[in-house]
Amino acid sequence: MSIKNPEERIIVALDSPSFGHAFSVVLKLREKIKLFKVGPVLFLSNGPNGIEQLKDLEVDIFLDLKFHDIPSTVEKTMEHVVNYGVNMFTVHSLGGIDMMKSVSERIKKEAKKKKTPKPMVLAVTMLTSHDEKNIKDLGLDSNIKDQVLRLAALADKAGVDGIVCSGHEVEYLRKEFADRFTYVVPGIRMDDKTHDQKRNITPAEAFDKGADYLVIGRSITESHNPEIVVEQILDSLK
């Protein structure tokens, strides 16, 4: 299969606590990859200053902190998100429709006030580390597919921009919601190592099922030659 502009649709996850390592990875890949994910590990060890230094390398940032709290608390974080100048960020859809709606409305106001592009709001459905047993343990009485569809419907009503889901869910989400959302797929497998992910998929499979963006982390960042791994991924999509 041939994917249009795959280098613009791959997000490299920087999950190392070492800013030096993360900076080195971005420096090596920025000619090929535009978008990099900063999650809680890197953010908590380096803070907003780390984001600023990465942005100085002229790359875009996906802030993946998965906000999940009462609506007023999460809403108040939106000023900071806009100030960080990130391109997209995550909230947990399990936080509920009121929380997601508050975020969607507040982020628009903050971006307008700052006269800056609005970051994309992405709602996380079910973590890719969960399987059917896990959601039963959580007390959820439906299967993963039904639960993801239910959460996506709430996100739709709340006005979020995109959905984070596994590659196994993106196909039926597209059938249900078409192009209403931007679909971001983590849990991308480049080898037989699943780590703590349980619902994995290859890059080609994920794009074939309808993903807009892929999040790939350790396969790239833990490699001695991340540039070569990225080239291999891009070649596999031509």
C-alpha atoms as a PDB file:
ATOM      1  CA  MET A   1       0.000   0.000   0.000  1.00  0.00           C
ATOM      2  CA  SER A   2       1.093   3.581  -0.578  1.00  0.00           C
ATOM      3  CA  ILE A   3       0.474   6.133   2.185  1.00  0.00           C
ATOM      4  CA  LYS A   4       0.378   9.825   1.348  1.00  0.00           C
ATOM      5  CA  ASN A   5       2.999  11.845   3.247  1.00  0.00           C
ATOM      6  CA  PRO A   6       3.720   9.208   5.932  1.00  0.00           C
ATOM      7  CA  GLU A   7       6.537  11.324   7.394  1.00  0.00           C
ATOM      8  CA  GLU A   8       3.904  13.910   8.397  1.00  0.00           C
ATOM      9  CA  ARG A   9       1.649  11.291   9.985  1.00  0.00           C
ATOM     10  CA  ILE A  10       4.089   9.505  12.289  1.00  0.00           C
ATOM     11  CA  ILE A  11       4.455  10.748  15.860  1.00  0.00           C
ATOM     12  CA  VAL A  12       7.597   9.715  17.725  1.00  0.00           C
ATOM     13  CA  ALA A  13       6.936   9.205  21.441  1.00  0.00           C
ATOM     14  CA  LEU A  14       9.659  10.641  23.668  1.00  0.00           C
ATOM     15  CA  ASP A  15       9.046   8.634  26.839  1.00  0.00           C
ATOM     16  CA  SER A  16      12.528   8.829  28.335  1.00  0.00           C
ATOM     17  CA  PRO A  17      13.049  10.810  31.596  1.00  0.00           C
ATOM     18  CA  SER A  18      16.352  11.992  30.133  1.00  0.00           C
ATOM     19  CA  PHE A  19      15.882  15.255  28.282  1.00  0.00           C
ATOM     20  CA  GLY A  20      19.331  14.816  26.754  1.00  0.00           C
ATOM     21  CA  HIS A  21      18.242  11.542  25.164  1.00  0.00           C
ATOM     22  CA  ALA A  22      14.944  13.007  23.961  1.00  0.00           C
ATOM     23  CA  PHE A  23      16.688  16.059  22.521  1.00  0.00           C
ATOM     24  CA  SER A  24      19.190  13.816  20.744  1.00  0.00           C
ATOM     25  CA  VAL A  25      16.409  11.743  19.172  1.00  0.00           C
ATOM     26  CA  VAL A  26      14.605  14.844  17.908  1.00  0.00           C
ATOM     27  CA  LEU A  27      17.841  16.291  16.576  1.00  0.00           C
ATOM     28  CA  LYS A  28      18.487  13.097  14.602  1.00  0.00           C
ATOM     29  CA  LEU A  29      14.950  12.754  13.241  1.00  0.00           C
ATOM     30  CA  ARG A  30      13.664  16.283  12.697  1.00  0.00           C
ATOM     31  CA  GLU A  31      14.542  16.244   8.993  1.00  0.00           C
ATOM     32  CA  LYS A  32      12.209  13.263   8.543  1.00  0.00           C
ATOM     33  CA  ILE A  33       9.642  13.516  11.323  1.00  0.00           C
ATOM     34  CA  LYS A  34       7.743  16.666  12.247  1.00  0.00           C
ATOM     35  CA  LEU A  35       5.672  15.625  15.266  1.00  0.00           C
ATOM     36  CA  PHE A  36       6.934  14.359  18.641  1.00  0.00           C
ATOM     37  CA  LYS A  37       5.001  13.232  21.717  1.00  0.00           C
ATOM     38  CA  VAL A  38       5.836  14.457  25.204  1.00  0.00           C
ATOM     39  CA  GLY A  39       4.189  12.327  27.881  1.00  0.00           C
ATOM     40  CA  PRO A  40       4.175  12.479  31.699  1.00  0.00           C
ATOM     41  CA  VAL A  41       7.616  10.909  32.152  1.00  0.00           C
ATOM     42  CA  LEU A  42       9.458  13.508  30.089  1.00  0.00           C
ATOM     43  CA  PHE A  43       7.197  16.394  31.104  1.00  0.00           C
ATOM     44  CA  LEU A  44       7.478  15.782  34.852  1.00  0.00           C
ATOM     45  CA  SER A  45      11.252  15.506  34.672  1.00  0.00           C
ATOM     46  CA  ASN A  46      11.749  18.614  32.522  1.00  0.00           C
ATOM     47  CA  GLY A  47       8.552  20.679  32.589  1.00  0.00           C
ATOM     48  CA  PRO A  48       7.514  23.421  30.144  1.00  0.00           C
ATOM     49  CA  ASN A  49      11.134  24.388  29.582  1.00  0.00           C
ATOM     50  CA  GLY A  50      11.725  21.021  27.938  1.00  0.00           C
ATOM     51  CA  ILE A  51       8.862  21.643  25.524  1.00  0.00           C
ATOM     52  CA  GLU A  52      10.258  25.059  24.685  1.00  0.00           C
ATOM     53  CA  GLN A  53      13.702  23.639  23.930  1.00  0.00           C
ATOM     54  CA  LEU A  54      12.227  20.968  21.680  1.00  0.00           C
ATOM     55  CA  LYS A  55      10.142  23.564  19.839  1.00  0.00           C
ATOM     56  CA  ASP A  56      13.348  25.536  19.244  1.00  0.00           C
ATOM     57  CA  LEU A  57      14.317  22.628  16.972  1.00  0.00           C
ATOM     58  CA  GLU A  58      11.314  23.617  14.811  1.00  0.00           C
ATOM     59  CA  VAL A  59       9.233  20.515  15.464  1.00  0.00           C
ATOM     60  CA  ASP A  60       5.607  20.163  16.568  1.00  0.00           C
ATOM     61  CA  ILE A  61       4.620  18.797  19.971  1.00  0.00           C
ATOM     62  CA  PHE A  62       1.860  16.390  21.014  1.00  0.00           C
ATOM     63  CA  LEU A  63       1.370  16.834  24.779  1.00  0.00           C
ATOM     64  CA  ASP A  64       0.085  13.509  26.062  1.00  0.00           C
ATOM     65  CA  LEU A  65      -0.784  14.061  29.741  1.00  0.00           C
ATOM     66  CA  LYS A  66      -4.259  12.486  29.494  1.00  0.00           C
ATOM     67  CA  PHE A  67      -6.049  15.023  31.683  1.00  0.00           C
ATOM     68  CA  HIS A  68      -8.721  13.346  33.817  1.00  0.00           C
ATOM     69  CA  ASP A  69     -10.269  15.308  36.693  1.00  0.00           C
ATOM     70  CA  ILE A  70     -13.342  17.335  37.540  1.00  0.00           C
ATOM     71  CA  PRO A  71     -14.327  19.731  34.718  1.00  0.00           C
ATOM     72  CA  SER A  72     -13.284  22.961  36.454  1.00  0.00           C
ATOM     73  CA  THR A  73      -9.816  21.632  37.303  1.00  0.00           C
ATOM     74  CA  VAL A  74      -9.036  20.411  33.806  1.00  0.00           C
ATOM     75  CA  GLU A  75     -10.530  23.540  32.255  1.00  0.00           C
ATOM     76  CA  LYS A  76      -8.084  25.708  34.205  1.00  0.00           C
ATOM     77  CA  THR A  77      -5.121  23.891  32.653  1.00  0.00           C
ATOM     78  CA  MET A  78      -6.067  25.065  29.167  1.00  0.00           C
ATOM     79  CA  GLU A  79      -4.325  28.430  29.555  1.00  0.00           C
ATOM     80  CA  HIS A  80      -1.055  26.590  30.169  1.00  0.00           C
ATOM     81  CA  VAL A  81      -1.606  24.216  27.255  1.00  0.00           C
ATOM     82  CA  VAL A  82      -2.030  27.181  24.905  1.00  0.00           C
ATOM     83  CA  ASN A  83       1.013  28.929  26.375  1.00  0.00           C
ATOM     84  CA  TYR A  84       3.124  25.823  25.728  1.00  0.00           C
ATOM     85  CA  GLY A  85       2.390  26.176  22.006  1.00  0.00           C
ATOM     86  CA  VAL A  86       1.634  22.484  21.493  1.00  0.00           C
ATOM     87  CA  ASN A  87      -0.230  21.207  18.448  1.00  0.00           C
ATOM     88  CA  MET A  88      -2.365  18.580  20.152  1.00  0.00           C
ATOM     89  CA  PHE A  89      -3.041  17.223  23.632  1.00  0.00           C
ATOM     90  CA  THR A  90      -5.050  14.491  25.333  1.00  0.00           C
ATOM     91  CA  VAL A  91      -7.870  14.162  27.816  1.00  0.00           C
ATOM     92  CA  HIS A  92      -9.436  10.934  29.074  1.00  0.00           C
ATOM     93  CA  SER A  93     -12.909  10.376  27.646  1.00  0.00           C
ATOM     94  CA  LEU A  94     -13.711   8.537  30.888  1.00  0.00           C
ATOM     95  CA  GLY A  95     -13.611  11.982  32.496  1.00  0.00           C
ATOM     96  CA  GLY A  96     -17.072  12.435  31.027  1.00  0.00           C
ATOM     97  CA  ILE A  97     -18.893  14.686  28.615  1.00  0.00           C
ATOM     98  CA  ASP A  98     -18.951  17.724  30.922  1.00  0.00           C
ATOM     99  CA  MET A  99     -15.176  17.659  31.334  1.00  0.00           C
ATOM    100  CA  MET A 100     -14.527  17.199  27.623  1.00  0.00           C
ATOM    101  CA  LYS A 101     -16.977  19.930  26.702  1.00  0.00           C
ATOM    102  CA  SER A 102     -15.399  22.359  29.186  1.00  0.00           C
ATOM    103  CA  VAL A 103     -11.979  21.649  27.696  1.00  0.00           C
ATOM    104  CA  SER A 104     -13.200  22.043  24.106  1.00  0.00           C
ATOM    105  CA  GLU A 105     -14.813  25.391  24.840  1.00  0.00           C
ATOM    106  CA  ARG A 106     -12.023  26.794  27.015  1.00  0.00           C
ATOM    107  CA  ILE A 107      -9.202  25.875  24.628  1.00  0.00           C
ATOM    108  CA  LYS A 108     -10.949  27.818  21.837  1.00  0.00           C
ATOM    109  CA  LYS A 109     -11.258  30.897  24.045  1.00  0.00           C
ATOM    110  CA  GLU A 110      -7.646  30.726  25.220  1.00  0.00           C
ATOM    111  CA  ALA A 111      -6.289  30.285  21.700  1.00  0.00           C
ATOM    112  CA  LYS A 112      -8.378  33.195  20.444  1.00  0.00           C
ATOM    113  CA  LYS A 113      -7.226  35.373  23.342  1.00  0.00           C
ATOM    114  CA  LYS A 114      -3.578  34.554  22.625  1.00  0.00           C
ATOM    115  CA  LYS A 115      -4.147  34.890  18.862  1.00  0.00           C
ATOM    116  CA  THR A 116      -2.535  31.510  18.295  1.00  0.00           C
ATOM    117  CA  PRO A 117      -3.668  28.325  16.508  1.00  0.00           C
ATOM    118  CA  LYS A 118      -5.928  26.152  18.656  1.00  0.00           C
ATOM    119  CA  PRO A 119      -4.322  22.890  19.770  1.00  0.00           C
ATOM    120  CA  MET A 120      -6.204  19.772  18.736  1.00  0.00           C
ATOM    121  CA  VAL A 121      -8.131  18.130  21.610  1.00  0.00           C
ATOM    122  CA  LEU A 122      -7.801  14.334  21.521  1.00  0.00           C
ATOM    123  CA  ALA A 123      -9.969  12.087  23.675  1.00  0.00           C
ATOM    124  CA  VAL A 124      -8.369   8.828  24.793  1.00  0.00           C
ATOM    125  CA  THR A 125     -10.871   5.959  24.663  1.00  0.00           C
ATOM    126  CA  MET A 126      -9.406   2.758  26.169  1.00  0.00           C
ATOM    127  CA  LEU A 127      -5.675   2.412  26.816  1.00  0.00           C
ATOM    128  CA  THR A 128      -3.953  -0.069  24.517  1.00  0.00           C
ATOM    129  CA  SER A 129      -2.632  -1.834  27.626  1.00  0.00           C
ATOM    130  CA  HIS A 130      -6.205  -2.964  28.412  1.00  0.00           C
ATOM    131  CA  ASP A 131      -7.775  -6.177  27.198  1.00  0.00           C
ATOM    132  CA  GLU A 132     -11.224  -7.682  27.802  1.00  0.00           C
ATOM    133  CA  LYS A 133     -10.193  -9.028  31.215  1.00  0.00           C
ATOM    134  CA  ASN A 134      -8.934  -5.625  32.341  1.00  0.00           C
ATOM    135  CA  ILE A 135     -12.165  -3.822  31.549  1.00  0.00           C
ATOM    136  CA  LYS A 136     -14.149  -6.491  33.405  1.00  0.00           C
ATOM    137  CA  ASP A 137     -11.845  -5.976  36.387  1.00  0.00           C
ATOM    138  CA  LEU A 138     -12.674  -2.272  36.193  1.00  0.00           C
ATOM    139  CA  GLY A 139     -16.345  -3.104  36.524  1.00  0.00           C
ATOM    140  CA  LEU A 140     -17.284  -2.204  32.948  1.00  0.00           C
ATOM    141  CA  ASP A 141     -20.093  -4.442  31.741  1.00  0.00           C
ATOM    142  CA  SER A 142     -19.413  -4.177  27.994  1.00  0.00           C
ATOM    143  CA  ASN A 143     -16.705  -5.411  25.667  1.00  0.00           C
ATOM    144  CA  ILE A 144     -13.928  -3.143  24.430  1.00  0.00           C
ATOM    145  CA  LYS A 145     -15.617  -2.382  21.119  1.00  0.00           C
ATOM    146  CA  ASP A 146     -18.885  -1.259  22.709  1.00  0.00           C
ATOM    147  CA  GLN A 147     -17.061   0.703  25.379  1.00  0.00           C
ATOM    148  CA  VAL A 148     -14.916   2.534  22.802  1.00  0.00           C
ATOM    149  CA  LEU A 149     -17.986   3.377  20.693  1.00  0.00           C
ATOM    150  CA  ARG A 150     -19.784   4.694  23.770  1.00  0.00           C
ATOM    151  CA  LEU A 151     -16.860   6.897  24.776  1.00  0.00           C
ATOM    152  CA  ALA A 152     -16.380   8.152  21.209  1.00  0.00           C
ATOM    153  CA  ALA A 153     -20.039   9.143  21.084  1.00  0.00           C
ATOM    154  CA  LEU A 154     -19.557  11.216  24.249  1.00  0.00           C
ATOM    155  CA  ALA A 155     -16.454  12.821  22.751  1.00  0.00           C
ATOM    156  CA  ASP A 156     -18.450  13.666  19.637  1.00  0.00           C
ATOM    157  CA  LYS A 157     -21.157  15.394  21.679  1.00  0.00           C
ATOM    158  CA  ALA A 158     -18.480  17.255  23.642  1.00  0.00           C
ATOM    159  CA  GLY A 159     -16.948  18.660  20.463  1.00  0.00           C
ATOM    160  CA  VAL A 160     -13.422  17.243  20.718  1.00  0.00           C
ATOM    161  CA  ASP A 161     -11.273  17.158  17.600  1.00  0.00           C
ATOM    162  CA  GLY A 162      -9.904  13.638  17.634  1.00  0.00           C
ATOM    163  CA  ILE A 163      -9.808  10.191  19.161  1.00  0.00           C
ATOM    164  CA  VAL A 164      -6.903   8.123  20.484  1.00  0.00           C
ATOM    165  CA  CYS A 165      -7.678   4.448  20.003  1.00  0.00           C
ATOM    166  CA  SER A 166      -5.962   1.206  19.094  1.00  0.00           C
ATOM    167  CA  GLY A 167      -5.621   0.140  15.481  1.00  0.00           C
ATOM    168  CA  HIS A 168      -8.200  -2.546  16.139  1.00  0.00           C
ATOM    169  CA  GLU A 169     -10.870   0.063  16.913  1.00  0.00           C
ATOM    170  CA  VAL A 170     -10.110   2.709  14.312  1.00  0.00           C
ATOM    171  CA  GLU A 171     -11.823   0.803  11.484  1.00  0.00           C
ATOM    172  CA  TYR A 172     -15.244   0.604  13.120  1.00  0.00           C
ATOM    173  CA  LEU A 173     -14.914   4.111  14.563  1.00  0.00           C
ATOM    174  CA  ARG A 174     -14.455   5.437  11.035  1.00  0.00           C
ATOM    175  CA  LYS A 175     -17.528   3.508   9.906  1.00  0.00           C
ATOM    176  CA  GLU A 176     -19.534   5.041  12.756  1.00  0.00           C
ATOM    177  CA  PHE A 177     -18.170   8.614  12.746  1.00  0.00           C
ATOM    178  CA  ALA A 178     -16.533   8.878   9.295  1.00  0.00           C
ATOM    179  CA  ASP A 179     -14.259  11.944   9.110  1.00  0.00           C
ATOM    180  CA  ARG A 180     -15.785  13.600  12.167  1.00  0.00           C
ATOM    181  CA  PHE A 181     -12.587  12.845  14.119  1.00  0.00           C
ATOM    182  CA  THR A 182      -8.852  12.807  13.568  1.00  0.00           C
ATOM    183  CA  TYR A 183      -7.779   9.281  14.544  1.00  0.00           C
ATOM    184  CA  VAL A 184      -4.490   8.820  16.425  1.00  0.00           C
ATOM    185  CA  VAL A 185      -3.308   5.238  16.922  1.00  0.00           C
ATOM    186  CA  PRO A 186      -0.683   4.165  19.506  1.00  0.00           C
ATOM    187  CA  GLY A 187       0.404   0.586  20.196  1.00  0.00           C
ATOM    188  CA  ILE A 188       2.257   0.295  16.882  1.00  0.00           C
ATOM    189  CA  ARG A 189       4.324  -2.888  16.633  1.00  0.00           C
ATOM    190  CA  MET A 190       7.569  -3.009  14.650  1.00  0.00           C
ATOM    191  CA  ASP A 191       8.661  -6.430  15.941  1.00  0.00           C
ATOM    192  CA  ASP A 192       7.421  -9.243  18.183  1.00  0.00           C
ATOM    193  CA  LYS A 193       8.004  -7.228  21.370  1.00  0.00           C
ATOM    194  CA  THR A 194       4.663  -6.094  22.766  1.00  0.00           C
ATOM    195  CA  HIS A 195       6.055  -4.525  25.967  1.00  0.00           C
ATOM    196  CA  ASP A 196       2.965  -3.539  28.022  1.00  0.00           C
ATOM    197  CA  GLN A 197       0.752  -3.015  24.978  1.00  0.00           C
ATOM    198  CA  LYS A 198      -1.901  -5.676  24.380  1.00  0.00           C
ATOM    199  CA  ARG A 199      -3.783  -4.418  21.324  1.00  0.00           C
ATOM    200  CA  ASN A 200      -0.915  -3.916  18.872  1.00  0.00           C
ATOM    201  CA  ILE A 201      -0.835  -3.410  15.125  1.00  0.00           C
ATOM    202  CA  THR A 202       1.736  -2.704  12.386  1.00  0.00           C
ATOM    203  CA  PRO A 203       2.015   0.737  10.725  1.00  0.00           C
ATOM    204  CA  ALA A 204       0.665  -0.499   7.388  1.00  0.00           C
ATOM    205  CA  GLU A 205      -2.268  -2.255   9.075  1.00  0.00           C
ATOM    206  CA  ALA A 206      -3.139   0.839  11.110  1.00  0.00           C
ATOM    207  CA  PHE A 207      -3.156   3.142   8.095  1.00  0.00           C
ATOM    208  CA  ASP A 208      -5.115   0.575   6.091  1.00  0.00           C
ATOM    209  CA  LYS A 209      -7.796   0.550   8.779  1.00  0.00           C
ATOM    210  CA  GLY A 210      -8.107   4.337   8.745  1.00  0.00           C
ATOM    211  CA  ALA A 211      -5.578   5.906  11.125  1.00  0.00           C
ATOM    212  CA  ASP A 212      -4.589   9.535  10.509  1.00  0.00           C
ATOM    213  CA  TYR A 213      -1.537   9.476  12.802  1.00  0.00           C
ATOM    214  CA  LEU A 214       0.556   6.701  14.313  1.00  0.00           C
ATOM    215  CA  VAL A 215       2.377   6.972  17.638  1.00  0.00           C
ATOM    216  CA  ILE A 216       5.614   4.958  17.678  1.00  0.00           C
ATOM    217  CA  GLY A 217       7.970   5.038  20.632  1.00  0.00           C
ATOM    218  CA  ARG A 218      10.431   2.449  21.861  1.00  0.00           C
ATOM    219  CA  SER A 219      10.931   0.767  18.488  1.00  0.00           C
ATOM    220  CA  ILE A 220      12.522   4.044  17.392  1.00  0.00           C
ATOM    221  CA  THR A 221      13.834   5.729  20.525  1.00  0.00           C
ATOM    222  CA  GLU A 222      15.507   2.638  22.018  1.00  0.00           C
ATOM    223  CA  SER A 223      17.274   1.821  18.781  1.00  0.00           C
ATOM    224  CA  HIS A 224      20.986   2.557  18.367  1.00  0.00           C
ATOM    225  CA  ASN A 225      20.091   3.936  14.932  1.00  0.00           C
ATOM    226  CA  PRO A 226      16.678   5.631  15.128  1.00  0.00           C
ATOM    227  CA  GLU A 227      17.193   7.194  11.700  1.00  0.00           C
ATOM    228  CA  ILE A 228      17.432   3.760  10.103  1.00  0.00           C
ATOM    229  CA  VAL A 229      14.307   2.525  11.895  1.00  0.00           C
ATOM    230  CA  VAL A 230      12.358   5.563  10.699  1.00  0.00           C
ATOM    231  CA  GLU A 231      13.574   4.981   7.145  1.00  0.00           C
ATOM    232  CA  GLN A 232      12.428   1.361   7.362  1.00  0.00           C
ATOM    233  CA  ILE A 233       9.001   2.437   8.597  1.00  0.00           C
ATOM    234  CA  LEU A 234       8.621   5.018   5.836  1.00  0.00           C
ATOM    235  CA  ASP A 235       9.806   2.508   3.201  1.00  0.00           C
ATOM    236  CA  SER A 236       7.211  -0.015   4.414  1.00  0.00           C
ATOM    237  CA  LEU A 237       4.477   2.514   3.701  1.00  0.00           C
ATOM    238  CA  LYS A 238       5.466   3.382   0.135  1.00  0.00           C
END
